Amino acid sequence: MEMIFAFRSIWVSQPDRVARIDPNTGRVIATIAVPGTSDARNLAAGAGAIWIDDSGTETLTRIDAGRNQVAATISMRAHLFVVDGLAFVDGKLWIVRPVPNDEAQGDVVSIDPATNRIFQRAIIPRTFDVMSGGTHALWYVRGTNLLRFDTTTLHATVVRQHVNAMLVASDQHLWLLTPSGVIEADEHTGAQIGPPIAIEDTVNLAAAVGPGAVWLASQPDSSSGGNVTPYDLVTHRPLAAPTPIGFPIVTMTALPTAVLIDADGITRIPYSR
């Protein structure tokens, strides 16, 4: 499913619940029941809450991170709701809602956490894998174009072409999969920063940015175990030999002293610089 780090804990979505995990011990601190019917449920954190969607029931659930309990269940049935991503930006939760089987239709809405109601809405072509790592912007790939959706003007613009996938956004920098490899790019201009990172395996490719390193995990094929490797944020050179992990690689998140990978169970790899 999905895994994020927020409120000093790891949060993992599952089909009918959200697990809160101690990042140091791996112990499950709390399990919050969040019924649903979707097998892919997105997570976001903000306003003291964990947010999780369910496209099957067309709902959005708000979890109080202080009490480890559901605070609100928000119906999205007023409009076709098939989530491709959640992001908490500029004090609001943003939801991408594509229209199935129609590449030309979709929208982005913001939820005001003070009211749990839709605050803004913009009509945009169908989007995929929306994410954010800063302020005033969401990023996603449409076709092979990287687009930036401005959360103040509610308009999307192309910032880079020939992009295969958006991997992670962090500290005003983007990490993208391109025909030349994994590249770092400026979030405003889309300009490449530093040399590309050449990778041979791209199946279930995942990335996470930690102190001084970007971590890349991938598999050679869909039925083989993967590897995870840290690369220097400045030189883009590998900092250590690849570490074997399981499969399938689902997601990855980096903490100040460890990286966690969800690949046939959650693997914790400690590190220091």
C-alpha atoms as a PDB file:
ATOM      1  CA  MET A   1       0.000   0.000   0.000  1.00  0.00           C
ATOM      2  CA  GLU A   2       1.448   3.422   0.891  1.00  0.00           C
ATOM      3  CA  MET A   3       3.862   4.424   3.656  1.00  0.00           C
ATOM      4  CA  ILE A   4       4.683   7.901   4.967  1.00  0.00           C
ATOM      5  CA  PHE A   5       6.627   9.384   7.887  1.00  0.00           C
ATOM      6  CA  ALA A   6       4.705  11.948   9.952  1.00  0.00           C
ATOM      7  CA  PHE A   7       4.204  12.868  13.611  1.00  0.00           C
ATOM      8  CA  ARG A   8       7.368  10.891  14.530  1.00  0.00           C
ATOM      9  CA  SER A   9       5.799   7.661  13.261  1.00  0.00           C
ATOM     10  CA  ILE A  10       5.530   5.486  10.173  1.00  0.00           C
ATOM     11  CA  TRP A  11       1.994   5.210   8.798  1.00  0.00           C
ATOM     12  CA  VAL A  12       1.076   2.335   6.480  1.00  0.00           C
ATOM     13  CA  SER A  13      -2.225   2.057   4.626  1.00  0.00           C
ATOM     14  CA  GLN A  14      -3.926  -1.303   4.208  1.00  0.00           C
ATOM     15  CA  PRO A  15      -7.269  -2.258   2.616  1.00  0.00           C
ATOM     16  CA  ASP A  16      -9.253  -1.854   5.836  1.00  0.00           C
ATOM     17  CA  ARG A  17      -6.957  -0.070   8.281  1.00  0.00           C
ATOM     18  CA  VAL A  18      -4.004   2.223   8.883  1.00  0.00           C
ATOM     19  CA  ALA A  19      -1.096   0.993  10.999  1.00  0.00           C
ATOM     20  CA  ARG A  20       1.057   3.377  13.060  1.00  0.00           C
ATOM     21  CA  ILE A  21       4.579   2.039  13.576  1.00  0.00           C
ATOM     22  CA  ASP A  22       7.473   3.128  15.790  1.00  0.00           C
ATOM     23  CA  PRO A  23      10.296   3.918  13.301  1.00  0.00           C
ATOM     24  CA  ASN A  24      13.018   2.818  15.739  1.00  0.00           C
ATOM     25  CA  THR A  25      11.645  -0.493  16.979  1.00  0.00           C
ATOM     26  CA  GLY A  26       9.242  -1.506  14.211  1.00  0.00           C
ATOM     27  CA  ARG A  27       6.547  -2.050  16.849  1.00  0.00           C
ATOM     28  CA  VAL A  28       2.946  -1.348  15.863  1.00  0.00           C
ATOM     29  CA  ILE A  29       1.785   1.501  18.099  1.00  0.00           C
ATOM     30  CA  ALA A  30      -1.800   1.608  16.907  1.00  0.00           C
ATOM     31  CA  THR A  31      -4.113   0.092  14.320  1.00  0.00           C
ATOM     32  CA  ILE A  32      -6.961   2.343  13.178  1.00  0.00           C
ATOM     33  CA  ALA A  33      -9.859   0.659  11.383  1.00  0.00           C
ATOM     34  CA  VAL A  34     -10.730   2.490   8.164  1.00  0.00           C
ATOM     35  CA  PRO A  35     -13.178   0.304   6.203  1.00  0.00           C
ATOM     36  CA  GLY A  36     -13.011   0.486   2.436  1.00  0.00           C
ATOM     37  CA  THR A  37     -13.091  -1.521  -0.768  1.00  0.00           C
ATOM     38  CA  SER A  38     -10.038  -0.252  -2.664  1.00  0.00           C
ATOM     39  CA  ASP A  39      -6.767  -2.204  -2.750  1.00  0.00           C
ATOM     40  CA  ALA A  40      -4.728   0.986  -3.313  1.00  0.00           C
ATOM     41  CA  ARG A  41      -5.239   3.668  -0.680  1.00  0.00           C
ATOM     42  CA  ASN A  42      -3.231   6.905  -0.628  1.00  0.00           C
ATOM     43  CA  LEU A  43      -1.969   8.716   2.470  1.00  0.00           C
ATOM     44  CA  ALA A  44      -1.167  12.338   3.292  1.00  0.00           C
ATOM     45  CA  ALA A  45      -0.340  14.195   6.507  1.00  0.00           C
ATOM     46  CA  GLY A  46      -1.276  17.684   7.648  1.00  0.00           C
ATOM     47  CA  ALA A  47      -3.319  19.744  10.135  1.00  0.00           C
ATOM     48  CA  GLY A  48      -2.589  17.230  12.883  1.00  0.00           C
ATOM     49  CA  ALA A  49      -4.139  14.443  10.852  1.00  0.00           C
ATOM     50  CA  ILE A  50      -3.480  11.498   8.586  1.00  0.00           C
ATOM     51  CA  TRP A  51      -5.712  11.468   5.520  1.00  0.00           C
ATOM     52  CA  ILE A  52      -6.594   8.315   3.586  1.00  0.00           C
ATOM     53  CA  ASP A  53      -8.809   7.887   0.540  1.00  0.00           C
ATOM     54  CA  ASP A  54     -10.971   5.026  -0.681  1.00  0.00           C
ATOM     55  CA  SER A  55     -12.040   5.185  -4.311  1.00  0.00           C
ATOM     56  CA  GLY A  56     -14.344   2.182  -3.861  1.00  0.00           C
ATOM     57  CA  THR A  57     -16.654   3.936  -1.414  1.00  0.00           C
ATOM     58  CA  GLU A  58     -15.811   7.423  -2.744  1.00  0.00           C
ATOM     59  CA  THR A  59     -14.788   8.639   0.703  1.00  0.00           C
ATOM     60  CA  LEU A  60     -11.946  10.450   2.402  1.00  0.00           C
ATOM     61  CA  THR A  61     -11.117   9.622   6.027  1.00  0.00           C
ATOM     62  CA  ARG A  62      -9.407  11.936   8.500  1.00  0.00           C
ATOM     63  CA  ILE A  63      -7.459  10.325  11.368  1.00  0.00           C
ATOM     64  CA  ASP A  64      -6.598  12.350  14.468  1.00  0.00           C
ATOM     65  CA  ALA A  65      -2.863  11.669  14.883  1.00  0.00           C
ATOM     66  CA  GLY A  66      -2.962  12.640  18.551  1.00  0.00           C
ATOM     67  CA  ARG A  67      -5.730  10.205  19.490  1.00  0.00           C
ATOM     68  CA  ASN A  68      -5.155   7.480  16.862  1.00  0.00           C
ATOM     69  CA  GLN A  69      -8.814   7.474  15.910  1.00  0.00           C
ATOM     70  CA  VAL A  70     -11.024   8.468  12.992  1.00  0.00           C
ATOM     71  CA  ALA A  71     -12.083  12.098  13.310  1.00  0.00           C
ATOM     72  CA  ALA A  72     -14.203  12.402  10.166  1.00  0.00           C
ATOM     73  CA  THR A  73     -15.356  10.503   7.100  1.00  0.00           C
ATOM     74  CA  ILE A  74     -15.972  12.801   4.145  1.00  0.00           C
ATOM     75  CA  SER A  75     -18.176  11.716   1.258  1.00  0.00           C
ATOM     76  CA  MET A  76     -16.989  12.630  -2.227  1.00  0.00           C
ATOM     77  CA  ARG A  77     -20.026  11.232  -4.029  1.00  0.00           C
ATOM     78  CA  ALA A  78     -20.991  14.614  -5.507  1.00  0.00           C
ATOM     79  CA  HIS A  79     -18.491  13.988  -8.303  1.00  0.00           C
ATOM     80  CA  LEU A  80     -16.851  10.944  -9.849  1.00  0.00           C
ATOM     81  CA  PHE A  81     -13.986  10.112  -7.516  1.00  0.00           C
ATOM     82  CA  VAL A  82     -11.062   7.939  -8.566  1.00  0.00           C
ATOM     83  CA  VAL A  83      -8.019   9.105  -6.652  1.00  0.00           C
ATOM     84  CA  ASP A  84      -4.564   9.120  -8.198  1.00  0.00           C
ATOM     85  CA  GLY A  85      -2.956  10.930  -5.285  1.00  0.00           C
ATOM     86  CA  LEU A  86      -3.246  13.080  -2.174  1.00  0.00           C
ATOM     87  CA  ALA A  87      -0.971  15.912  -1.046  1.00  0.00           C
ATOM     88  CA  PHE A  88      -1.162  18.379   1.834  1.00  0.00           C
ATOM     89  CA  VAL A  89       0.013  21.773   0.587  1.00  0.00           C
ATOM     90  CA  ASP A  90      -0.529  25.361   1.768  1.00  0.00           C
ATOM     91  CA  GLY A  91      -2.683  24.281   4.706  1.00  0.00           C
ATOM     92  CA  LYS A  92      -5.115  22.247   2.592  1.00  0.00           C
ATOM     93  CA  LEU A  93      -5.502  18.677   1.421  1.00  0.00           C
ATOM     94  CA  TRP A  94      -5.407  18.393  -2.376  1.00  0.00           C
ATOM     95  CA  ILE A  95      -7.050  15.486  -4.171  1.00  0.00           C
ATOM     96  CA  VAL A  96      -6.636  14.498  -7.807  1.00  0.00           C
ATOM     97  CA  ARG A  97      -9.794  12.945  -9.265  1.00  0.00           C
ATOM     98  CA  PRO A  98      -9.479  11.595 -12.819  1.00  0.00           C
ATOM     99  CA  VAL A  99     -12.422  10.369 -14.840  1.00  0.00           C
ATOM    100  CA  PRO A 100     -12.002   6.688 -15.762  1.00  0.00           C
ATOM    101  CA  ASN A 101     -11.637   5.873 -19.446  1.00  0.00           C
ATOM    102  CA  ASP A 102     -11.455   9.542 -20.439  1.00  0.00           C
ATOM    103  CA  GLU A 103      -7.986  11.063 -20.690  1.00  0.00           C
ATOM    104  CA  ALA A 104      -9.408  14.545 -21.271  1.00  0.00           C
ATOM    105  CA  GLN A 105     -11.370  14.858 -18.038  1.00  0.00           C
ATOM    106  CA  GLY A 106     -10.563  15.203 -14.371  1.00  0.00           C
ATOM    107  CA  ASP A 107     -10.230  17.745 -11.598  1.00  0.00           C
ATOM    108  CA  VAL A 108      -8.211  18.786  -8.566  1.00  0.00           C
ATOM    109  CA  VAL A 109      -9.988  19.814  -5.371  1.00  0.00           C
ATOM    110  CA  SER A 110      -8.755  21.165  -2.054  1.00  0.00           C
ATOM    111  CA  ILE A 111     -10.264  20.252   1.313  1.00  0.00           C
ATOM    112  CA  ASP A 112     -10.258  22.901   4.038  1.00  0.00           C
ATOM    113  CA  PRO A 113      -9.296  21.068   7.278  1.00  0.00           C
ATOM    114  CA  ALA A 114     -11.253  23.612   9.312  1.00  0.00           C
ATOM    115  CA  THR A 115     -14.534  22.497   7.727  1.00  0.00           C
ATOM    116  CA  ASN A 116     -13.666  19.162   6.042  1.00  0.00           C
ATOM    117  CA  ARG A 117     -15.350  20.507   2.910  1.00  0.00           C
ATOM    118  CA  ILE A 118     -14.228  21.215  -0.640  1.00  0.00           C
ATOM    119  CA  PHE A 119     -12.750  24.714  -0.751  1.00  0.00           C
ATOM    120  CA  GLN A 120     -11.404  24.990  -4.322  1.00  0.00           C
ATOM    121  CA  ARG A 121     -11.818  23.093  -7.573  1.00  0.00           C
ATOM    122  CA  ALA A 122     -10.014  23.211 -10.904  1.00  0.00           C
ATOM    123  CA  ILE A 123     -10.809  21.262 -14.071  1.00  0.00           C
ATOM    124  CA  ILE A 124      -7.693  19.680 -15.581  1.00  0.00           C
ATOM    125  CA  PRO A 125      -6.958  16.742 -17.894  1.00  0.00           C
ATOM    126  CA  ARG A 126      -6.592  13.379 -16.204  1.00  0.00           C
ATOM    127  CA  THR A 127      -3.518  13.165 -13.967  1.00  0.00           C
ATOM    128  CA  PHE A 128      -1.341  10.417 -12.541  1.00  0.00           C
ATOM    129  CA  ASP A 129       0.868  10.074  -9.439  1.00  0.00           C
ATOM    130  CA  VAL A 130       0.404  13.593  -8.107  1.00  0.00           C
ATOM    131  CA  MET A 131       2.833  14.578  -5.353  1.00  0.00           C
ATOM    132  CA  SER A 132       4.326  17.599  -3.625  1.00  0.00           C
ATOM    133  CA  GLY A 133       7.366  18.384  -1.560  1.00  0.00           C
ATOM    134  CA  GLY A 134       7.126  22.098  -0.924  1.00  0.00           C
ATOM    135  CA  THR A 135       4.665  24.971  -1.215  1.00  0.00           C
ATOM    136  CA  HIS A 136       2.221  26.248  -3.811  1.00  0.00           C
ATOM    137  CA  ALA A 137       2.625  23.309  -6.186  1.00  0.00           C
ATOM    138  CA  LEU A 138       1.660  19.772  -7.131  1.00  0.00           C
ATOM    139  CA  TRP A 139       3.592  17.821  -9.770  1.00  0.00           C
ATOM    140  CA  TYR A 140       2.503  15.006 -12.042  1.00  0.00           C
ATOM    141  CA  VAL A 141       3.386  13.380 -15.346  1.00  0.00           C
ATOM    142  CA  ARG A 142       0.938  13.372 -18.244  1.00  0.00           C
ATOM    143  CA  GLY A 143       2.179  11.411 -21.246  1.00  0.00           C
ATOM    144  CA  THR A 144       5.883  12.268 -21.099  1.00  0.00           C
ATOM    145  CA  ASN A 145       5.423  15.830 -19.860  1.00  0.00           C
ATOM    146  CA  LEU A 146       6.087  16.925 -16.282  1.00  0.00           C
ATOM    147  CA  LEU A 147       3.458  19.415 -15.162  1.00  0.00           C
ATOM    148  CA  ARG A 148       3.368  21.817 -12.243  1.00  0.00           C
ATOM    149  CA  PHE A 149      -0.063  22.653 -10.844  1.00  0.00           C
ATOM    150  CA  ASP A 150       0.032  25.988  -9.024  1.00  0.00           C
ATOM    151  CA  THR A 151      -2.193  25.833  -5.933  1.00  0.00           C
ATOM    152  CA  THR A 152      -2.600  29.631  -5.890  1.00  0.00           C
ATOM    153  CA  THR A 153      -3.588  30.209  -9.527  1.00  0.00           C
ATOM    154  CA  LEU A 154      -5.117  26.723 -10.068  1.00  0.00           C
ATOM    155  CA  HIS A 155      -3.351  26.375 -13.422  1.00  0.00           C
ATOM    156  CA  ALA A 156      -1.022  23.654 -14.701  1.00  0.00           C
ATOM    157  CA  THR A 157       2.054  24.277 -16.875  1.00  0.00           C
ATOM    158  CA  VAL A 158       4.600  21.969 -18.494  1.00  0.00           C
ATOM    159  CA  VAL A 159       8.024  22.380 -16.859  1.00  0.00           C
ATOM    160  CA  ARG A 160       9.903  19.538 -18.568  1.00  0.00           C
ATOM    161  CA  GLN A 161       9.453  17.101 -21.445  1.00  0.00           C
ATOM    162  CA  HIS A 162      10.626  13.504 -21.949  1.00  0.00           C
ATOM    163  CA  VAL A 163       9.876  12.393 -18.386  1.00  0.00           C
ATOM    164  CA  ASN A 164       8.912   8.769 -17.805  1.00  0.00           C
ATOM    165  CA  ALA A 165       7.935   9.070 -14.139  1.00  0.00           C
ATOM    166  CA  MET A 166       7.941  11.399 -11.165  1.00  0.00           C
ATOM    167  CA  LEU A 167       9.767   9.682  -8.289  1.00  0.00           C
ATOM    168  CA  VAL A 168       9.955  12.113  -5.384  1.00  0.00           C
ATOM    169  CA  ALA A 169       9.815  15.830  -4.579  1.00  0.00           C
ATOM    170  CA  SER A 170      11.912  17.227  -1.741  1.00  0.00           C
ATOM    171  CA  ASP A 171      13.259  20.638  -0.712  1.00  0.00           C
ATOM    172  CA  GLN A 172      12.410  22.352  -4.032  1.00  0.00           C
ATOM    173  CA  HIS A 173      14.084  19.584  -6.011  1.00  0.00           C
ATOM    174  CA  LEU A 174      12.462  16.863  -8.097  1.00  0.00           C
ATOM    175  CA  TRP A 175      13.776  13.393  -8.888  1.00  0.00           C
ATOM    176  CA  LEU A 176      12.601  12.079 -12.237  1.00  0.00           C
ATOM    177  CA  LEU A 177      12.995   8.964 -14.343  1.00  0.00           C
ATOM    178  CA  THR A 178      14.004   9.976 -17.879  1.00  0.00           C
ATOM    179  CA  PRO A 179      15.450   8.162 -20.915  1.00  0.00           C
ATOM    180  CA  SER A 180      18.936   9.140 -19.714  1.00  0.00           C
ATOM    181  CA  GLY A 181      18.415   7.773 -16.193  1.00  0.00           C
ATOM    182  CA  VAL A 182      17.279   9.249 -12.891  1.00  0.00           C
ATOM    183  CA  ILE A 183      17.867  13.002 -12.801  1.00  0.00           C
ATOM    184  CA  GLU A 184      17.535  15.786 -10.261  1.00  0.00           C
ATOM    185  CA  ALA A 185      15.630  18.837 -11.500  1.00  0.00           C
ATOM    186  CA  ASP A 186      14.765  22.320 -10.284  1.00  0.00           C
ATOM    187  CA  GLU A 187      11.100  22.446  -9.275  1.00  0.00           C
ATOM    188  CA  HIS A 188      10.491  25.853 -10.863  1.00  0.00           C
ATOM    189  CA  THR A 189      12.299  25.544 -14.187  1.00  0.00           C
ATOM    190  CA  GLY A 190      12.559  21.786 -14.673  1.00  0.00           C
ATOM    191  CA  ALA A 191      16.263  22.248 -15.476  1.00  0.00           C
ATOM    192  CA  GLN A 192      18.505  19.261 -14.752  1.00  0.00           C
ATOM    193  CA  ILE A 193      20.878  19.569 -11.795  1.00  0.00           C
ATOM    194  CA  GLY A 194      24.098  17.532 -11.884  1.00  0.00           C
ATOM    195  CA  PRO A 195      24.745  14.323 -13.813  1.00  0.00           C
ATOM    196  CA  PRO A 196      22.129  11.613 -14.355  1.00  0.00           C
ATOM    197  CA  ILE A 197      22.182   8.429 -12.301  1.00  0.00           C
ATOM    198  CA  ALA A 198      22.408   5.453 -14.627  1.00  0.00           C
ATOM    199  CA  ILE A 199      20.220   2.535 -13.516  1.00  0.00           C
ATOM    200  CA  GLU A 200      19.769  -0.836 -15.161  1.00  0.00           C
ATOM    201  CA  ASP A 201      16.659  -2.015 -13.312  1.00  0.00           C
ATOM    202  CA  THR A 202      13.468   0.061 -13.465  1.00  0.00           C
ATOM    203  CA  VAL A 203      10.688  -2.319 -12.387  1.00  0.00           C
ATOM    204  CA  ASN A 204       8.800  -0.906  -9.360  1.00  0.00           C
ATOM    205  CA  LEU A 205      11.326   1.928  -9.140  1.00  0.00           C
ATOM    206  CA  ALA A 206      10.978   3.935  -5.910  1.00  0.00           C
ATOM    207  CA  ALA A 207      12.940   6.841  -4.450  1.00  0.00           C
ATOM    208  CA  ALA A 208      13.292   8.642  -1.122  1.00  0.00           C
ATOM    209  CA  VAL A 209      15.435  11.592  -0.053  1.00  0.00           C
ATOM    210  CA  GLY A 210      17.211  11.605   3.302  1.00  0.00           C
ATOM    211  CA  PRO A 211      20.042  13.664   4.823  1.00  0.00           C
ATOM    212  CA  GLY A 212      22.803  13.769   2.213  1.00  0.00           C
ATOM    213  CA  ALA A 213      21.428  10.974   0.039  1.00  0.00           C
ATOM    214  CA  VAL A 214      18.765   9.974  -2.417  1.00  0.00           C
ATOM    215  CA  TRP A 215      17.847   6.300  -2.165  1.00  0.00           C
ATOM    216  CA  LEU A 216      16.771   4.354  -5.248  1.00  0.00           C
ATOM    217  CA  ALA A 217      15.164   0.919  -5.099  1.00  0.00           C
ATOM    218  CA  SER A 218      14.094  -1.232  -8.049  1.00  0.00           C
ATOM    219  CA  GLN A 219      13.766  -4.775  -9.386  1.00  0.00           C
ATOM    220  CA  PRO A 220      15.215  -6.345 -12.559  1.00  0.00           C
ATOM    221  CA  ASP A 221      11.803  -7.876 -13.320  1.00  0.00           C
ATOM    222  CA  SER A 222       8.429  -8.417 -11.673  1.00  0.00           C
ATOM    223  CA  SER A 223       9.342 -11.776 -10.109  1.00  0.00           C
ATOM    224  CA  SER A 224      12.847 -11.061  -8.750  1.00  0.00           C
ATOM    225  CA  GLY A 225      14.077  -9.448  -5.554  1.00  0.00           C
ATOM    226  CA  GLY A 226      15.209  -5.853  -5.726  1.00  0.00           C
ATOM    227  CA  ASN A 227      18.082  -3.721  -4.501  1.00  0.00           C
ATOM    228  CA  VAL A 228      18.315  -0.340  -2.806  1.00  0.00           C
ATOM    229  CA  THR A 229      21.291   2.024  -3.217  1.00  0.00           C
ATOM    230  CA  PRO A 230      22.066   5.454  -1.697  1.00  0.00           C
ATOM    231  CA  TYR A 231      23.512   8.197  -3.936  1.00  0.00           C
ATOM    232  CA  ASP A 232      25.196  11.434  -2.881  1.00  0.00           C
ATOM    233  CA  LEU A 233      22.887  14.432  -3.248  1.00  0.00           C
ATOM    234  CA  VAL A 234      25.636  16.572  -4.812  1.00  0.00           C
ATOM    235  CA  THR A 235      27.786  14.249  -6.916  1.00  0.00           C
ATOM    236  CA  HIS A 236      25.075  11.630  -7.574  1.00  0.00           C
ATOM    237  CA  ARG A 237      27.658   8.909  -7.008  1.00  0.00           C
ATOM    238  CA  PRO A 238      26.777   5.744  -5.056  1.00  0.00           C
ATOM    239  CA  LEU A 239      27.594   5.935  -1.347  1.00  0.00           C
ATOM    240  CA  ALA A 240      27.382   2.201  -0.667  1.00  0.00           C
ATOM    241  CA  ALA A 241      26.967  -1.122  -2.399  1.00  0.00           C
ATOM    242  CA  PRO A 242      23.380  -2.154  -3.253  1.00  0.00           C
ATOM    243  CA  THR A 243      21.433  -3.825  -0.441  1.00  0.00           C
ATOM    244  CA  PRO A 244      19.233  -6.775  -1.508  1.00  0.00           C
ATOM    245  CA  ILE A 245      15.552  -6.513  -0.570  1.00  0.00           C
ATOM    246  CA  GLY A 246      12.376  -8.456  -1.325  1.00  0.00           C
ATOM    247  CA  PHE A 247       9.657  -7.919  -3.883  1.00  0.00           C
ATOM    248  CA  PRO A 248       7.415  -6.391  -4.966  1.00  0.00           C
ATOM    249  CA  ILE A 249       8.763  -2.969  -4.042  1.00  0.00           C
ATOM    250  CA  VAL A 250       5.737  -0.891  -3.083  1.00  0.00           C
ATOM    251  CA  THR A 251       7.062   2.285  -1.491  1.00  0.00           C
ATOM    252  CA  MET A 252       9.971   3.733   0.434  1.00  0.00           C
ATOM    253  CA  THR A 253      10.533   6.549   2.930  1.00  0.00           C
ATOM    254  CA  ALA A 254      13.713   8.031   4.414  1.00  0.00           C
ATOM    255  CA  LEU A 255      14.192   9.087   8.039  1.00  0.00           C
ATOM    256  CA  PRO A 256      17.152  10.996   9.537  1.00  0.00           C
ATOM    257  CA  THR A 257      18.993   7.768  10.412  1.00  0.00           C
ATOM    258  CA  ALA A 258      17.273   5.009   8.455  1.00  0.00           C
ATOM    259  CA  VAL A 259      15.407   4.207   5.273  1.00  0.00           C
ATOM    260  CA  LEU A 260      12.338   1.955   5.276  1.00  0.00           C
ATOM    261  CA  ILE A 261      11.257  -0.056   2.234  1.00  0.00           C
ATOM    262  CA  ASP A 262       7.949  -1.851   1.828  1.00  0.00           C
ATOM    263  CA  ALA A 263       8.917  -4.940  -0.206  1.00  0.00           C
ATOM    264  CA  ASP A 264       7.304  -8.179   1.008  1.00  0.00           C
ATOM    265  CA  GLY A 265       7.301  -6.667   4.484  1.00  0.00           C
ATOM    266  CA  ILE A 266       8.932  -3.506   5.759  1.00  0.00           C
ATOM    267  CA  THR A 267      12.745  -3.535   5.783  1.00  0.00           C
ATOM    268  CA  ARG A 268      14.646  -0.970   7.869  1.00  0.00           C
ATOM    269  CA  ILE A 269      18.187  -0.037   6.755  1.00  0.00           C
ATOM    270  CA  PRO A 270      20.082   2.188   9.243  1.00  0.00           C
ATOM    271  CA  TYR A 271      22.660   4.646   7.938  1.00  0.00           C
ATOM    272  CA  SER A 272      24.861   7.550   9.027  1.00  0.00           C
ATOM    273  CA  ARG A 273      26.855  10.236   7.253  1.00  0.00           C
END
